[in-house]
PDB file of N, CA and C in Angstrom:
ATOM      1  N   MET A   1      -9.692 -23.582 256.373  1.00  0.00           N
ATOM      2  CA  MET A   1      -8.966 -24.569 255.862  1.00  0.00           C
ATOM      3  C   MET A   1      -9.825 -25.446 254.659  1.00  0.00           C
ATOM      4  N   GLU A   2     -10.008 -24.499 253.694  1.00  0.00           N
ATOM      5  CA  GLU A   2     -10.607 -25.312 252.530  1.00  0.00           C
ATOM      6  C   GLU A   2      -9.886 -26.039 251.702  1.00  0.00           C
ATOM      7  N   PRO A   3     -10.149 -27.434 251.676  1.00  0.00           N
ATOM      8  CA  PRO A   3      -9.459 -28.427 250.881  1.00  0.00           C
ATOM      9  C   PRO A   3      -9.474 -27.964 249.396  1.00  0.00           C
ATOM     10  N   TYR A   4      -8.424 -28.623 248.577  1.00  0.00           N
ATOM     11  CA  TYR A   4      -8.391 -28.252 247.171  1.00  0.00           C
ATOM     12  C   TYR A   4      -9.352 -29.115 246.579  1.00  0.00           C
ATOM     13  N   PRO A   5      -9.992 -28.514 245.541  1.00  0.00           N
ATOM     14  CA  PRO A   5     -10.810 -29.401 244.547  1.00  0.00           C
ATOM     15  C   PRO A   5     -10.289 -30.707 244.039  1.00  0.00           C
ATOM     16  N   GLU A   6     -11.039 -31.641 243.624  1.00  0.00           N
ATOM     17  CA  GLU A   6     -10.513 -32.983 243.211  1.00  0.00           C
ATOM     18  C   GLU A   6     -10.009 -32.782 241.716  1.00  0.00           C
ATOM     19  N   ASN A   7     -10.727 -31.795 240.933  1.00  0.00           N
ATOM     20  CA  ASN A   7     -10.393 -31.649 239.558  1.00  0.00           C
ATOM     21  C   ASN A   7      -8.911 -31.031 239.293  1.00  0.00           C
ATOM     22  N   LEU A   8      -8.406 -31.810 238.512  1.00  0.00           N
ATOM     23  CA  LEU A   8      -7.172 -31.192 238.332  1.00  0.00           C
ATOM     24  C   LEU A   8      -6.702 -30.004 237.640  1.00  0.00           C
ATOM     25  N   GLN A   9      -7.752 -29.691 236.742  1.00  0.00           N
ATOM     26  CA  GLN A   9      -7.453 -28.202 236.020  1.00  0.00           C
ATOM     27  C   GLN A   9      -7.833 -27.198 237.233  1.00  0.00           C
ATOM     28  N   GLU A  10      -8.860 -27.329 237.930  1.00  0.00           N
ATOM     29  CA  GLU A  10      -9.122 -26.308 239.033  1.00  0.00           C
ATOM     30  C   GLU A  10      -7.848 -26.266 240.052  1.00  0.00           C
ATOM     31  N   VAL A  11      -7.223 -27.478 240.364  1.00  0.00           N
ATOM     32  CA  VAL A  11      -6.154 -27.383 241.397  1.00  0.00           C
ATOM     33  C   VAL A  11      -5.050 -26.632 240.621  1.00  0.00           C
ATOM     34  N   MET A  12      -4.662 -26.828 239.303  1.00  0.00           N
ATOM     35  CA  MET A  12      -3.708 -26.125 238.603  1.00  0.00           C
ATOM     36  C   MET A  12      -3.978 -24.716 238.628  1.00  0.00           C
ATOM     37  N   GLU A  13      -5.140 -24.129 238.401  1.00  0.00           N
ATOM     38  CA  GLU A  13      -5.457 -22.661 238.386  1.00  0.00           C
ATOM     39  C   GLU A  13      -5.360 -22.127 239.780  1.00  0.00           C
ATOM     40  N   ILE A  14      -5.668 -22.987 240.814  1.00  0.00           N
ATOM     41  CA  ILE A  14      -5.601 -22.300 242.207  1.00  0.00           C
ATOM     42  C   ILE A  14      -4.165 -22.255 242.595  1.00  0.00           C
ATOM     43  N   GLY A  15      -3.342 -23.300 242.137  1.00  0.00           N
ATOM     44  CA  GLY A  15      -2.059 -23.465 242.420  1.00  0.00           C
ATOM     45  C   GLY A  15      -1.207 -22.431 241.949  1.00  0.00           C
ATOM     46  N   ARG A  16      -1.427 -22.205 240.701  1.00  0.00           N
ATOM     47  CA  ARG A  16      -0.820 -21.005 239.949  1.00  0.00           C
ATOM     48  C   ARG A  16      -1.076 -19.793 240.468  1.00  0.00           C
ATOM     49  N   ASN A  17      -2.071 -19.637 240.831  1.00  0.00           N
ATOM     50  CA  ASN A  17      -2.676 -18.164 241.558  1.00  0.00           C
ATOM     51  C   ASN A  17      -1.815 -17.999 242.832  1.00  0.00           C
ATOM     52  N   GLU A  18      -1.886 -19.041 243.767  1.00  0.00           N
ATOM     53  CA  GLU A  18      -1.271 -19.201 245.089  1.00  0.00           C
ATOM     54  C   GLU A  18       0.341 -18.934 244.664  1.00  0.00           C
ATOM     55  N   THR A  19       0.913 -19.601 243.927  1.00  0.00           N
ATOM     56  CA  THR A  19       2.404 -19.392 243.760  1.00  0.00           C
ATOM     57  C   THR A  19       2.847 -17.984 243.316  1.00  0.00           C
ATOM     58  N   ASP A  20       2.092 -17.577 242.105  1.00  0.00           N
ATOM     59  CA  ASP A  20       2.390 -16.356 241.561  1.00  0.00           C
ATOM     60  C   ASP A  20       2.101 -15.246 242.389  1.00  0.00           C
ATOM     61  N   ASN A  21       1.113 -15.325 243.528  1.00  0.00           N
ATOM     62  CA  ASN A  21       0.913 -14.301 244.353  1.00  0.00           C
ATOM     63  C   ASN A  21       1.284 -14.300 245.815  1.00  0.00           C
ATOM     64  N   GLU A  22       2.203 -15.522 245.952  1.00  0.00           N
ATOM     65  CA  GLU A  22       2.535 -15.676 247.446  1.00  0.00           C
ATOM     66  C   GLU A  22       1.502 -15.907 248.397  1.00  0.00           C
ATOM     67  N   ILE A  23       0.221 -16.404 247.984  1.00  0.00           N
ATOM     68  CA  ILE A  23      -0.753 -16.806 248.925  1.00  0.00           C
ATOM     69  C   ILE A  23      -0.422 -17.910 249.548  1.00  0.00           C
ATOM     70  N   MET A  24      -0.350 -17.793 250.975  1.00  0.00           N
ATOM     71  CA  MET A  24      -0.200 -18.761 251.920  1.00  0.00           C
ATOM     72  C   MET A  24      -1.422 -19.574 252.518  1.00  0.00           C
ATOM     73  N   ARG A  25      -1.798 -20.479 251.954  1.00  0.00           N
ATOM     74  CA  ARG A  25      -3.173 -21.109 252.259  1.00  0.00           C
ATOM     75  C   ARG A  25      -2.950 -21.781 253.854  1.00  0.00           C
ATOM     76  N   PRO A  26      -3.906 -21.408 254.652  1.00  0.00           N
ATOM     77  CA  PRO A  26      -3.778 -21.900 256.111  1.00  0.00           C
ATOM     78  C   PRO A  26      -4.040 -23.395 256.037  1.00  0.00           C
ATOM     79  N   ILE A  27      -3.249 -23.990 256.718  1.00  0.00           N
ATOM     80  CA  ILE A  27      -3.122 -25.613 256.663  1.00  0.00           C
ATOM     81  C   ILE A  27      -3.487 -25.956 258.200  1.00  0.00           C
ATOM     82  N   LYS A  28      -4.127 -27.222 258.362  1.00  0.00           N
ATOM     83  CA  LYS A  28      -4.381 -27.806 259.557  1.00  0.00           C
ATOM     84  C   LYS A  28      -3.246 -28.146 260.155  1.00  0.00           C
ATOM     85  N   GLN A  29      -3.027 -27.896 261.320  1.00  0.00           N
ATOM     86  CA  GLN A  29      -1.518 -28.158 262.282  1.00  0.00           C
ATOM     87  C   GLN A  29      -1.714 -29.657 262.544  1.00  0.00           C
ATOM     88  N   LEU A  30      -0.515 -30.402 262.504  1.00  0.00           N
ATOM     89  CA  LEU A  30      -0.294 -31.529 262.851  1.00  0.00           C
ATOM     90  C   LEU A  30      -0.343 -31.993 264.247  1.00  0.00           C
ATOM     91  N   GLU A  31      -1.062 -33.087 264.652  1.00  0.00           N
ATOM     92  CA  GLU A  31      -1.214 -33.208 266.099  1.00  0.00           C
ATOM     93  C   GLU A  31      -0.044 -34.202 266.456  1.00  0.00           C
ATOM     94  N   VAL A  32       1.413 -33.968 266.012  1.00  0.00           N
ATOM     95  CA  VAL A  32       2.259 -34.842 266.224  1.00  0.00           C
ATOM     96  C   VAL A  32       3.652 -33.811 266.577  1.00  0.00           C
ATOM     97  N   ASP A  33       4.320 -34.127 267.255  1.00  0.00           N
ATOM     98  CA  ASP A  33       5.505 -33.169 267.667  1.00  0.00           C
ATOM     99  C   ASP A  33       6.756 -33.966 266.640  1.00  0.00           C
ATOM    100  N   LEU A  34       6.930 -33.237 265.470  1.00  0.00           N
ATOM    101  CA  LEU A  34       7.930 -33.847 264.567  1.00  0.00           C
ATOM    102  C   LEU A  34       9.445 -33.735 265.214  1.00  0.00           C
ATOM    103  N   SER A  35       9.706 -32.952 266.184  1.00  0.00           N
ATOM    104  CA  SER A  35      11.027 -33.075 266.764  1.00  0.00           C
ATOM    105  C   SER A  35      11.486 -34.112 267.540  1.00  0.00           C
ATOM    106  N   LYS A  36      10.446 -34.966 267.806  1.00  0.00           N
ATOM    107  CA  LYS A  36      10.618 -36.401 268.354  1.00  0.00           C
ATOM    108  C   LYS A  36      11.239 -37.393 267.357  1.00  0.00           C
ATOM    109  N   TYR A  37      11.128 -37.057 266.258  1.00  0.00           N
ATOM    110  CA  TYR A  37      11.624 -38.141 265.330  1.00  0.00           C
ATOM    111  C   TYR A  37      13.056 -37.808 264.808  1.00  0.00           C
ATOM    112  N   ASP A  38      13.591 -39.105 264.566  1.00  0.00           N
ATOM    113  CA  ASP A  38      15.248 -38.914 263.988  1.00  0.00           C
ATOM    114  C   ASP A  38      15.296 -38.438 262.478  1.00  0.00           C
ATOM    115  N   LYS A  39      14.139 -39.099 261.763  1.00  0.00           N
ATOM    116  CA  LYS A  39      14.112 -38.639 260.302  1.00  0.00           C
ATOM    117  C   LYS A  39      12.772 -38.230 260.062  1.00  0.00           C
ATOM    118  N   VAL A  40      12.590 -37.137 259.100  1.00  0.00           N
ATOM    119  CA  VAL A  40      11.296 -36.561 258.623  1.00  0.00           C
ATOM    120  C   VAL A  40      11.453 -36.443 257.152  1.00  0.00           C
ATOM    121  N   ILE A  41      10.515 -37.109 256.388  1.00  0.00           N
ATOM    122  CA  ILE A  41      10.694 -37.203 255.063  1.00  0.00           C
ATOM    123  C   ILE A  41       9.553 -36.650 254.532  1.00  0.00           C
ATOM    124  N   LEU A  42       9.706 -35.703 253.489  1.00  0.00           N
ATOM    125  CA  LEU A  42       8.448 -34.632 253.129  1.00  0.00           C
ATOM    126  C   LEU A  42       8.601 -34.942 251.564  1.00  0.00           C
ATOM    127  N   GLY A  43       7.413 -35.432 251.116  1.00  0.00           N
ATOM    128  CA  GLY A  43       7.348 -35.530 249.591  1.00  0.00           C
ATOM    129  C   GLY A  43       6.427 -34.425 249.200  1.00  0.00           C
ATOM    130  N   MET A  44       6.716 -33.789 248.214  1.00  0.00           N
ATOM    131  CA  MET A  44       5.936 -32.600 247.657  1.00  0.00           C
ATOM    132  C   MET A  44       6.135 -32.566 246.071  1.00  0.00           C
ATOM    133  N   PRO A  45       5.032 -31.869 245.430  1.00  0.00           N
ATOM    134  CA  PRO A  45       5.166 -31.551 244.001  1.00  0.00           C
ATOM    135  C   PRO A  45       5.913 -30.394 243.752  1.00  0.00           C
ATOM    136  N   THR A  46       6.300 -30.142 242.591  1.00  0.00           N
ATOM    137  CA  THR A  46       6.871 -28.681 242.059  1.00  0.00           C
ATOM    138  C   THR A  46       5.757 -27.864 241.492  1.00  0.00           C
ATOM    139  N   TRP A  47       5.535 -26.642 241.985  1.00  0.00           N
ATOM    140  CA  TRP A  47       4.606 -25.739 241.437  1.00  0.00           C
ATOM    141  C   TRP A  47       5.343 -24.811 240.705  1.00  0.00           C
ATOM    142  N   TRP A  48       5.344 -24.703 239.433  1.00  0.00           N
ATOM    143  CA  TRP A  48       6.096 -23.521 238.926  1.00  0.00           C
ATOM    144  C   TRP A  48       7.294 -23.262 239.465  1.00  0.00           C
ATOM    145  N   TYR A  49       8.137 -24.105 239.287  1.00  0.00           N
ATOM    146  CA  TYR A  49       9.582 -24.083 239.886  1.00  0.00           C
ATOM    147  C   TYR A  49       9.622 -23.833 241.364  1.00  0.00           C
ATOM    148  N   HIS A  50       8.816 -23.718 242.234  1.00  0.00           N
ATOM    149  CA  HIS A  50       8.672 -23.466 243.631  1.00  0.00           C
ATOM    150  C   HIS A  50       8.021 -24.548 244.313  1.00  0.00           C
ATOM    151  N   VAL A  51       8.363 -24.563 245.734  1.00  0.00           N
ATOM    152  CA  VAL A  51       7.641 -25.364 246.697  1.00  0.00           C
ATOM    153  C   VAL A  51       6.338 -24.836 246.656  1.00  0.00           C
ATOM    154  N   PRO A  52       5.146 -25.560 246.756  1.00  0.00           N
ATOM    155  CA  PRO A  52       3.887 -25.266 246.859  1.00  0.00           C
ATOM    156  C   PRO A  52       3.501 -24.104 247.999  1.00  0.00           C
ATOM    157  N   PRO A  53       2.885 -23.173 247.923  1.00  0.00           N
ATOM    158  CA  PRO A  53       2.609 -22.411 249.317  1.00  0.00           C
ATOM    159  C   PRO A  53       1.993 -23.209 250.360  1.00  0.00           C
ATOM    160  N   CYS A  54       1.189 -24.219 250.116  1.00  0.00           N
ATOM    161  CA  CYS A  54       0.623 -24.857 251.267  1.00  0.00           C
ATOM    162  C   CYS A  54       1.772 -25.769 252.021  1.00  0.00           C
ATOM    163  N   VAL A  55       2.852 -26.215 251.278  1.00  0.00           N
ATOM    164  CA  VAL A  55       3.878 -26.851 251.665  1.00  0.00           C
ATOM    165  C   VAL A  55       4.804 -25.789 252.508  1.00  0.00           C
ATOM    166  N   GLU A  56       5.046 -24.581 251.785  1.00  0.00           N
ATOM    167  CA  GLU A  56       5.829 -23.769 252.456  1.00  0.00           C
ATOM    168  C   GLU A  56       5.220 -23.363 253.774  1.00  0.00           C
ATOM    169  N   SER A  57       3.801 -23.185 254.068  1.00  0.00           N
ATOM    170  CA  SER A  57       3.186 -22.869 255.092  1.00  0.00           C
ATOM    171  C   SER A  57       3.637 -23.883 256.197  1.00  0.00           C
ATOM    172  N   PHE A  58       3.502 -25.031 255.799  1.00  0.00           N
ATOM    173  CA  PHE A  58       3.784 -26.246 256.735  1.00  0.00           C
ATOM    174  C   PHE A  58       5.245 -26.038 257.271  1.00  0.00           C
ATOM    175  N   LEU A  59       6.278 -25.842 256.287  1.00  0.00           N
ATOM    176  CA  LEU A  59       7.522 -25.785 256.698  1.00  0.00           C
ATOM    177  C   LEU A  59       8.118 -24.621 257.539  1.00  0.00           C
ATOM    178  N   LYS A  60       7.280 -23.495 257.477  1.00  0.00           N
ATOM    179  CA  LYS A  60       7.550 -22.310 258.327  1.00  0.00           C
ATOM    180  C   LYS A  60       6.938 -22.585 259.610  1.00  0.00           C
ATOM    181  N   ASN A  61       5.941 -23.427 259.676  1.00  0.00           N
ATOM    182  CA  ASN A  61       5.348 -23.770 261.097  1.00  0.00           C
ATOM    183  C   ASN A  61       6.036 -24.890 261.729  1.00  0.00           C
ATOM    184  N   ALA A  62       6.705 -25.744 261.066  1.00  0.00           N
ATOM    185  CA  ALA A  62       7.145 -27.119 261.637  1.00  0.00           C
ATOM    186  C   ALA A  62       8.506 -26.872 262.283  1.00  0.00           C
ATOM    187  N   ALA A  63       9.338 -25.893 262.044  1.00  0.00           N
ATOM    188  CA  ALA A  63      10.677 -25.638 262.685  1.00  0.00           C
ATOM    189  C   ALA A  63      11.477 -27.075 262.861  1.00  0.00           C
ATOM    190  N   LEU A  64      11.588 -27.426 261.804  1.00  0.00           N
ATOM    191  CA  LEU A  64      12.464 -28.844 261.678  1.00  0.00           C
ATOM    192  C   LEU A  64      13.960 -28.481 261.571  1.00  0.00           C
ATOM    193  N   GLU A  65      14.754 -29.131 262.369  1.00  0.00           N
ATOM    194  CA  GLU A  65      16.036 -29.006 262.255  1.00  0.00           C
ATOM    195  C   GLU A  65      16.558 -29.704 261.098  1.00  0.00           C
ATOM    196  N   LYS A  66      16.304 -30.689 260.612  1.00  0.00           N
ATOM    197  CA  LYS A  66      16.750 -31.609 259.612  1.00  0.00           C
ATOM    198  C   LYS A  66      15.636 -32.236 258.861  1.00  0.00           C
ATOM    199  N   ILE A  67      15.767 -32.434 257.537  1.00  0.00           N
ATOM    200  CA  ILE A  67      14.805 -33.200 256.696  1.00  0.00           C
ATOM    201  C   ILE A  67      15.291 -33.784 255.532  1.00  0.00           C
ATOM    202  N   THR A  68      14.639 -34.841 255.198  1.00  0.00           N
ATOM    203  CA  THR A  68      14.865 -35.478 253.839  1.00  0.00           C
ATOM    204  C   THR A  68      13.556 -35.038 252.824  1.00  0.00           C
ATOM    205  N   VAL A  69      13.788 -34.677 251.813  1.00  0.00           N
ATOM    206  CA  VAL A  69      12.923 -34.366 250.930  1.00  0.00           C
ATOM    207  C   VAL A  69      12.930 -35.053 249.538  1.00  0.00           C
ATOM    208  N   PHE A  70      11.858 -35.228 249.058  1.00  0.00           N
ATOM    209  CA  PHE A  70      11.557 -35.868 247.574  1.00  0.00           C
ATOM    210  C   PHE A  70      10.660 -35.210 246.915  1.00  0.00           C
ATOM    211  N   VAL A  71      10.856 -34.668 245.794  1.00  0.00           N
ATOM    212  CA  VAL A  71      10.234 -33.781 244.924  1.00  0.00           C
ATOM    213  C   VAL A  71       9.629 -34.549 243.883  1.00  0.00           C
ATOM    214  N   THR A  72       8.317 -34.390 243.410  1.00  0.00           N
ATOM    215  CA  THR A  72       7.841 -34.961 242.044  1.00  0.00           C
ATOM    216  C   THR A  72       7.585 -33.842 241.163  1.00  0.00           C
ATOM    217  N   ASN A  73       8.097 -33.712 239.816  1.00  0.00           N
ATOM    218  CA  ASN A  73       7.735 -32.885 239.157  1.00  0.00           C
ATOM    219  C   ASN A  73       7.391 -33.366 237.654  1.00  0.00           C
ATOM    220  N   SER A  74       6.695 -32.701 236.800  1.00  0.00           N
ATOM    221  CA  SER A  74       6.330 -33.178 235.417  1.00  0.00           C
ATOM    222  C   SER A  74       7.094 -32.218 234.277  1.00  0.00           C
ATOM    223  N   GLY A  75       8.354 -31.968 234.378  1.00  0.00           N
ATOM    224  CA  GLY A  75       9.036 -30.862 233.458  1.00  0.00           C
ATOM    225  C   GLY A  75       9.276 -29.896 234.026  1.00  0.00           C
ATOM    226  N   ILE A  76       8.938 -29.319 235.316  1.00  0.00           N
ATOM    227  CA  ILE A  76       9.174 -28.046 236.072  1.00  0.00           C
ATOM    228  C   ILE A  76      10.185 -28.430 237.224  1.00  0.00           C
ATOM    229  N   PRO A  77      11.461 -28.125 237.039  1.00  0.00           N
ATOM    230  CA  PRO A  77      12.320 -28.546 238.187  1.00  0.00           C
ATOM    231  C   PRO A  77      12.183 -27.701 239.181  1.00  0.00           C
ATOM    232  N   LEU A  78      12.805 -28.032 240.356  1.00  0.00           N
ATOM    233  CA  LEU A  78      12.831 -27.302 241.633  1.00  0.00           C
ATOM    234  C   LEU A  78      14.530 -27.530 242.028  1.00  0.00           C
ATOM    235  N   ASN A  79      15.068 -26.374 242.521  1.00  0.00           N
ATOM    236  CA  ASN A  79      16.408 -26.424 242.941  1.00  0.00           C
ATOM    237  C   ASN A  79      15.920 -26.714 244.680  1.00  0.00           C
ATOM    238  N   VAL A  80      15.927 -27.774 245.138  1.00  0.00           N
ATOM    239  CA  VAL A  80      15.441 -28.053 246.546  1.00  0.00           C
ATOM    240  C   VAL A  80      16.388 -27.362 247.486  1.00  0.00           C
ATOM    241  N   ASP A  81      17.626 -27.247 247.451  1.00  0.00           N
ATOM    242  CA  ASP A  81      18.384 -26.832 248.242  1.00  0.00           C
ATOM    243  C   ASP A  81      18.267 -25.043 248.503  1.00  0.00           C
ATOM    244  N   ASP A  82      18.307 -24.528 247.431  1.00  0.00           N
ATOM    245  CA  ASP A  82      17.893 -23.050 247.148  1.00  0.00           C
ATOM    246  C   ASP A  82      16.374 -22.786 247.879  1.00  0.00           C
ATOM    247  N   GLU A  83      15.590 -23.587 247.757  1.00  0.00           N
ATOM    248  CA  GLU A  83      14.181 -23.253 247.877  1.00  0.00           C
ATOM    249  C   GLU A  83      13.954 -23.541 249.627  1.00  0.00           C
ATOM    250  N   MET A  84      14.651 -24.567 250.150  1.00  0.00           N
ATOM    251  CA  MET A  84      14.470 -24.816 251.524  1.00  0.00           C
ATOM    252  C   MET A  84      15.312 -23.776 252.263  1.00  0.00           C
ATOM    253  N   LYS A  85      16.571 -23.066 251.844  1.00  0.00           N
ATOM    254  CA  LYS A  85      17.087 -22.050 252.518  1.00  0.00           C
ATOM    255  C   LYS A  85      16.205 -20.829 252.401  1.00  0.00           C
ATOM    256  N   ARG A  86      15.528 -20.761 251.339  1.00  0.00           N
ATOM    257  CA  ARG A  86      14.613 -19.431 251.420  1.00  0.00           C
ATOM    258  C   ARG A  86      13.565 -19.495 252.342  1.00  0.00           C
ATOM    259  N   ILE A  87      12.952 -20.729 252.344  1.00  0.00           N
ATOM    260  CA  ILE A  87      11.768 -21.083 253.131  1.00  0.00           C
ATOM    261  C   ILE A  87      12.127 -21.205 254.683  1.00  0.00           C
ATOM    262  N   SER A  88      13.163 -21.946 254.962  1.00  0.00           N
ATOM    263  CA  SER A  88      13.277 -22.374 256.374  1.00  0.00           C
ATOM    264  C   SER A  88      14.996 -22.480 256.357  1.00  0.00           C
ATOM    265  N   PRO A  89      15.808 -21.255 256.597  1.00  0.00           N
ATOM    266  CA  PRO A  89      17.074 -21.278 256.530  1.00  0.00           C
ATOM    267  C   PRO A  89      17.782 -21.960 257.495  1.00  0.00           C
ATOM    268  N   ASN A  90      17.140 -22.441 258.782  1.00  0.00           N
ATOM    269  CA  ASN A  90      17.683 -23.131 259.854  1.00  0.00           C
ATOM    270  C   ASN A  90      17.405 -24.635 259.809  1.00  0.00           C
ATOM    271  N   THR A  91      16.829 -25.017 258.809  1.00  0.00           N
ATOM    272  CA  THR A  91      16.502 -26.340 258.530  1.00  0.00           C
ATOM    273  C   THR A  91      17.646 -27.056 257.382  1.00  0.00           C
ATOM    274  N   TYR A  92      18.308 -27.899 257.845  1.00  0.00           N
ATOM    275  CA  TYR A  92      19.532 -28.862 257.101  1.00  0.00           C
ATOM    276  C   TYR A  92      18.622 -29.916 256.207  1.00  0.00           C
ATOM    277  N   VAL A  93      18.814 -29.560 254.776  1.00  0.00           N
ATOM    278  CA  VAL A  93      18.291 -30.790 254.006  1.00  0.00           C
ATOM    279  C   VAL A  93      19.427 -31.986 253.957  1.00  0.00           C
ATOM    280  N   GLU A  94      19.083 -32.920 254.604  1.00  0.00           N
ATOM    281  CA  GLU A  94      20.041 -34.156 254.735  1.00  0.00           C
ATOM    282  C   GLU A  94      20.151 -34.886 253.261  1.00  0.00           C
ATOM    283  N   SER A  95      19.044 -35.005 252.712  1.00  0.00           N
ATOM    284  CA  SER A  95      18.848 -35.710 251.505  1.00  0.00           C
ATOM    285  C   SER A  95      17.585 -35.381 250.577  1.00  0.00           C
ATOM    286  N   SER A  96      17.949 -35.269 249.137  1.00  0.00           N
ATOM    287  CA  SER A  96      16.771 -34.924 248.453  1.00  0.00           C
ATOM    288  C   SER A  96      16.810 -35.568 247.027  1.00  0.00           C
ATOM    289  N   GLU A  97      15.723 -35.992 246.685  1.00  0.00           N
ATOM    290  CA  GLU A  97      15.683 -36.727 245.446  1.00  0.00           C
ATOM    291  C   GLU A  97      14.636 -36.082 244.528  1.00  0.00           C
ATOM    292  N   ILE A  98      14.836 -35.957 243.115  1.00  0.00           N
ATOM    293  CA  ILE A  98      13.761 -35.459 242.516  1.00  0.00           C
ATOM    294  C   ILE A  98      13.312 -36.633 241.609  1.00  0.00           C
ATOM    295  N   ILE A  99      11.878 -36.966 241.487  1.00  0.00           N
ATOM    296  CA  ILE A  99      11.192 -37.945 240.694  1.00  0.00           C
ATOM    297  C   ILE A  99      10.330 -37.301 239.847  1.00  0.00           C
ATOM    298  N   GLU A 100      10.856 -37.613 238.599  1.00  0.00           N
ATOM    299  CA  GLU A 100      10.279 -36.914 237.474  1.00  0.00           C
ATOM    300  C   GLU A 100       9.103 -37.854 236.824  1.00  0.00           C
ATOM    301  N   PHE A 101       7.997 -37.181 236.388  1.00  0.00           N
ATOM    302  CA  PHE A 101       7.011 -37.787 235.595  1.00  0.00           C
ATOM    303  C   PHE A 101       6.851 -37.121 234.325  1.00  0.00           C
ATOM    304  N   THR A 102       5.967 -37.565 233.354  1.00  0.00           N
ATOM    305  CA  THR A 102       5.894 -37.074 232.081  1.00  0.00           C
ATOM    306  C   THR A 102       5.105 -35.665 232.250  1.00  0.00           C
ATOM    307  N   PRO A 103       5.157 -34.603 231.330  1.00  0.00           N
ATOM    308  CA  PRO A 103       4.564 -33.464 231.411  1.00  0.00           C
ATOM    309  C   PRO A 103       2.984 -33.496 231.171  1.00  0.00           C
ATOM    310  N   LEU A 104       2.262 -33.120 232.118  1.00  0.00           N
ATOM    311  CA  LEU A 104       0.990 -32.895 231.830  1.00  0.00           C
ATOM    312  C   LEU A 104       0.283 -33.790 230.966  1.00  0.00           C
ATOM    313  N   VAL A 105       0.269 -35.008 230.825  1.00  0.00           N
ATOM    314  CA  VAL A 105      -0.526 -36.017 229.884  1.00  0.00           C
ATOM    315  C   VAL A 105      -1.105 -36.613 230.874  1.00  0.00           C
ATOM    316  N   GLU A 106      -2.271 -37.179 230.238  1.00  0.00           N
ATOM    317  CA  GLU A 106      -3.143 -38.362 231.079  1.00  0.00           C
ATOM    318  C   GLU A 106      -2.895 -39.774 230.447  1.00  0.00           C
ATOM    319  N   PRO A 107      -2.604 -40.633 230.955  1.00  0.00           N
ATOM    320  CA  PRO A 107      -2.181 -40.700 232.402  1.00  0.00           C
ATOM    321  C   PRO A 107      -0.572 -40.338 232.424  1.00  0.00           C
ATOM    322  N   SER A 108      -0.235 -39.752 233.618  1.00  0.00           N
ATOM    323  CA  SER A 108       1.136 -39.515 233.724  1.00  0.00           C
ATOM    324  C   SER A 108       1.947 -40.612 233.993  1.00  0.00           C
ATOM    325  N   ARG A 109       3.096 -40.703 233.385  1.00  0.00           N
ATOM    326  CA  ARG A 109       3.879 -41.631 233.468  1.00  0.00           C
ATOM    327  C   ARG A 109       5.413 -41.500 234.441  1.00  0.00           C
ATOM    328  N   LEU A 110       5.864 -42.311 235.075  1.00  0.00           N
ATOM    329  CA  LEU A 110       7.132 -42.044 235.546  1.00  0.00           C
ATOM    330  C   LEU A 110       8.206 -41.969 234.838  1.00  0.00           C
ATOM    331  N   VAL A 111       9.095 -41.081 234.747  1.00  0.00           N
ATOM    332  CA  VAL A 111      10.255 -40.986 233.924  1.00  0.00           C
ATOM    333  C   VAL A 111      11.611 -41.603 234.640  1.00  0.00           C
ATOM    334  N   THR A 112      11.786 -40.991 235.866  1.00  0.00           N
ATOM    335  CA  THR A 112      12.754 -41.535 236.664  1.00  0.00           C
ATOM    336  C   THR A 112      12.933 -42.962 236.787  1.00  0.00           C
ATOM    337  N   PRO A 113      14.077 -43.801 236.495  1.00  0.00           N
ATOM    338  CA  PRO A 113      13.841 -44.992 236.689  1.00  0.00           C
ATOM    339  C   PRO A 113      13.828 -45.690 238.335  1.00  0.00           C
ATOM    340  N   LEU A 114      13.166 -46.630 238.235  1.00  0.00           N
ATOM    341  CA  LEU A 114      12.565 -47.229 239.607  1.00  0.00           C
ATOM    342  C   LEU A 114      13.963 -47.585 240.284  1.00  0.00           C
ATOM    343  N   GLU A 115      14.855 -48.149 239.509  1.00  0.00           N
ATOM    344  CA  GLU A 115      16.204 -48.533 240.264  1.00  0.00           C
ATOM    345  C   GLU A 115      16.795 -47.285 240.854  1.00  0.00           C
ATOM    346  N   GLU A 116      16.613 -45.933 240.270  1.00  0.00           N
ATOM    347  CA  GLU A 116      17.203 -44.790 240.824  1.00  0.00           C
ATOM    348  C   GLU A 116      16.352 -44.436 242.108  1.00  0.00           C
ATOM    349  N   ILE A 117      15.249 -44.417 242.000  1.00  0.00           N
ATOM    350  CA  ILE A 117      14.346 -44.332 243.245  1.00  0.00           C
ATOM    351  C   ILE A 117      14.778 -45.392 244.606  1.00  0.00           C
ATOM    352  N   ASP A 118      14.705 -46.546 244.076  1.00  0.00           N
ATOM    353  CA  ASP A 118      15.032 -47.625 245.110  1.00  0.00           C
ATOM    354  C   ASP A 118      16.504 -47.487 245.691  1.00  0.00           C
ATOM    355  N   ALA A 119      17.536 -47.026 244.954  1.00  0.00           N
ATOM    356  CA  ALA A 119      18.824 -46.866 245.321  1.00  0.00           C
ATOM    357  C   ALA A 119      18.896 -45.705 246.184  1.00  0.00           C
ATOM    358  N   TRP A 120      18.176 -44.476 246.045  1.00  0.00           N
ATOM    359  CA  TRP A 120      18.036 -43.452 246.943  1.00  0.00           C
ATOM    360  C   TRP A 120      17.450 -43.815 248.047  1.00  0.00           C
ATOM    361  N   ILE A 121      16.174 -44.629 248.192  1.00  0.00           N
ATOM    362  CA  ILE A 121      15.546 -44.935 249.235  1.00  0.00           C
ATOM    363  C   ILE A 121      16.550 -45.865 250.219  1.00  0.00           C
ATOM    364  N   GLU A 122      17.237 -46.829 249.759  1.00  0.00           N
ATOM    365  CA  GLU A 122      18.184 -47.658 250.494  1.00  0.00           C
ATOM    366  C   GLU A 122      19.375 -46.585 251.203  1.00  0.00           C
ATOM    367  N   THR A 123      19.576 -45.411 250.778  1.00  0.00           N
ATOM    368  CA  THR A 123      20.580 -44.611 251.611  1.00  0.00           C
ATOM    369  C   THR A 123      19.833 -43.946 252.551  1.00  0.00           C
ATOM    370  N   LEU A 124      18.430 -44.058 252.795  1.00  0.00           N
ATOM    371  CA  LEU A 124      17.837 -43.439 254.022  1.00  0.00           C
ATOM    372  C   LEU A 124      17.945 -44.149 255.021  1.00  0.00           C
TER     373      LEU A 124
END
């Protein structure tokens, strides 16, 4: 379970390779039983129109009945419902939100209005 490097360019190269080649990076298992919670909220980035393989690995092992998802992206959108059905067909996506940032510029800036994010959070 090797961590990703801190350098953004290196992470992007590794992430692209993992996504393109469907490499499922082993991840450390949680020491928490998520089935005991009424609501599980998962936040993740978009990697080339898909859920990152490391998150996909988590989802396949978590066996969640329902989940709330928020996705961050910088110009590469993700169809949350389609991706979740592909990865974990028995998991119901209770709610999802796309939070957009500027495409790969430093520093990245939030595009989605804070009021929209706050309104979504209030529905949780």
